[in-house]
Amino acid sequence: MDKTVTDLATAVAGIGDGMTVMIGGFGGAGSPIELIHALIDRFRATGHPKALTIINNNAGNGHVGLAALIEAGMVKKLICSFPRSADPVVFTELYLAGKIELELVPQGTLAERIRAGGAGIPAFYTPTSYGTDLAGGKPVAEFDGRSYVQERWLKADVALVKAETADTHGNLAYRAAARNFNPLMCMAAAETVVQASQIVLAGGIDPETVVTPGIFVQKVVEVAHAQQEEDLNRANAVYPGVA
């Protein structure tokens, strides 16, 4: 029942070539920077994993976190709702060069596709995107006189998630808006890997405040002083190394 691991390298060791990886966060809020950087370290040491499909709200900023993962050449395809964020220079350059694929998904649809994946719902209908290029090739049905587009669930091999507090059994609580996509992704992935600001013994979290039950979590690693994407970008940080 103890799901804790001792280090970040062990936490991401199971991610292989060609896998689909969900990464939590809304911008920097709830983004598991240290897990992402550990995955980059593994790639630099071994050449793996590569050809990943990443599911995230945006395309990363600056040269840290998700942007650094893309810059390292590890990502084949990005599924997101907001590729034009504050400083998406890495993704933009690779996309315009034809070196990375993009599947653009409206934000509410993205959240619901992930939720559907975790709930075992293979498809649903939404009016969002009807009549636009994003609906191209998708089934359309009419309900009560309105047209709806069919959207398929999203599932992943692995989810990388950031929590405020975890217990040794993998129960999770989040900090304010850092909750965002993280709970949905925990449910939609075959394996969930969590970095938590603190890990407590089982029973150390008030059951009323548990958002993600431990049944959806496989690995937890403590990162007591997690870095924040916005702080790193203000400092013009580059991972790995120095620009």
Foldseek 3Di string as FASTA:
>chain_A
DQFEDADLLVLCVPDAAAFEEEAADDQQQWGQQVNQLSQLVVCVVPVDDAQYEYEYAEQHAFAGGNLVCVQSRRYAEYEHAYHPDDHNPSVVVCVVVVRHYYQHDHPVRSLVLLLCLLVVNFKDWDLPQPPHPNLPPFDWDDDPRGITTIDGHDATQEYETEAAEAESLGFGAHDPPSPPSRQSRLSRHPEYRYEYLYYHHVVPDDPVRGDHDSVSHRHYYYDNDGDTSVVCVVVSHHPPDRD
